[in-house]
Amino acid sequence: MKFKYIIFIFCILFVNVYAQSPVWKISKNGSHLFIAGTIHLLNKNDYPLPKAFDYAYKRSSTIVFEADTNKFSQASFRPLILRKTLYSKNKTLEDYLDYKTLKELKVYLKKENIPYSNVAKFKPGMLSITLMMQELKKLSLLGIGVDEYYSKKALKDKKKIKFLESVFKQLDFLSNMGKNNESAFVKYMLKDLNNIEKEFSLMKEAWRQGNNEALKKVSLDSWKDKFPKLYHSLLIKRNKAWMPKIVKMLANKEVEFILFGALHLVGEHGVLSLLEKKGYKVENIN
């Protein structure tokens, strides 16, 4: 979600010409479920969500999320998070970043009044998440996201809840983000932070409209080209791992509503494309 580049005119071309939503019905042989692309952080102005979300939620008995991310806030989980996302022993970012990138990082931190010592031991993934959250907080964009909203709602309504992967796997992804390519990753992140307000707005616009082609160009293409290994591990590999679970759900009598990050839906390696290739009917709910 952090990697977004596109010219302003592209947004103009797609505004108000899409009457879709980020919610899809998947069906075959009389069985169906719903899939929705989500954004993990929103603000109060982004609510209410498109009506298609509640349409799918009300017609589903089981709600499925990427992982049980509530565990990240548990005190017992904190030592593992620190072990995975911080450099061990005497290692710091200075051991992995080239001189120019380290200098750019320190200039950014000074501008934001963040002591370098506060982040010196952060691995690139943790550094990226921390600084992005800081920027979003300044823009009042650090509110409850779609996943958290429906997680709380499902618990309140006592619906069944399932997960596509473990939080340990998600933590591994975060730990390895930018590994062996630290300078390029951090340099790209710093450029992205300077444009985060405009690009986050473009991304949300494409997401709300269910415009996967626009979302792909806004959020995915430059990341895919610059960091192919990361693209493979965070999207392609995970999408393929989820497919057998989704297909199994489509074979049972329950109706599931599956929610995961919107970028997992888009492109030739996206979940929707993979399902279509397997002969499933994919319909947008609007």
Foldseek 3Di string as FASTA:
>chain_A
DLAFDDDPVLLVVPPPPFQFFQKKWWADPPFIAMEGAKDQWFAPVCPPAPPVVVVRVVQFQEEEEAEDCVVVPDPVCVVVLCVLFFADDPAWVVVPADPVLVVLVVVVCVVVVHDCVVHGGGQLLRVLVVVLCVLCVVVNGGHGMPVRVVVVVCVVVVGHYYHQDYVVLVSNLSSCVCPPNRHVSSVSSSVSSVCVVVLVVSLVSCNGSSNQVSNCNGGNDVCCVPPVVSCCSPALVSLVSSVVVVVVNRPDPGHYYYYYHSNLQHDCSHNVNVSVVVPIDMGTDD
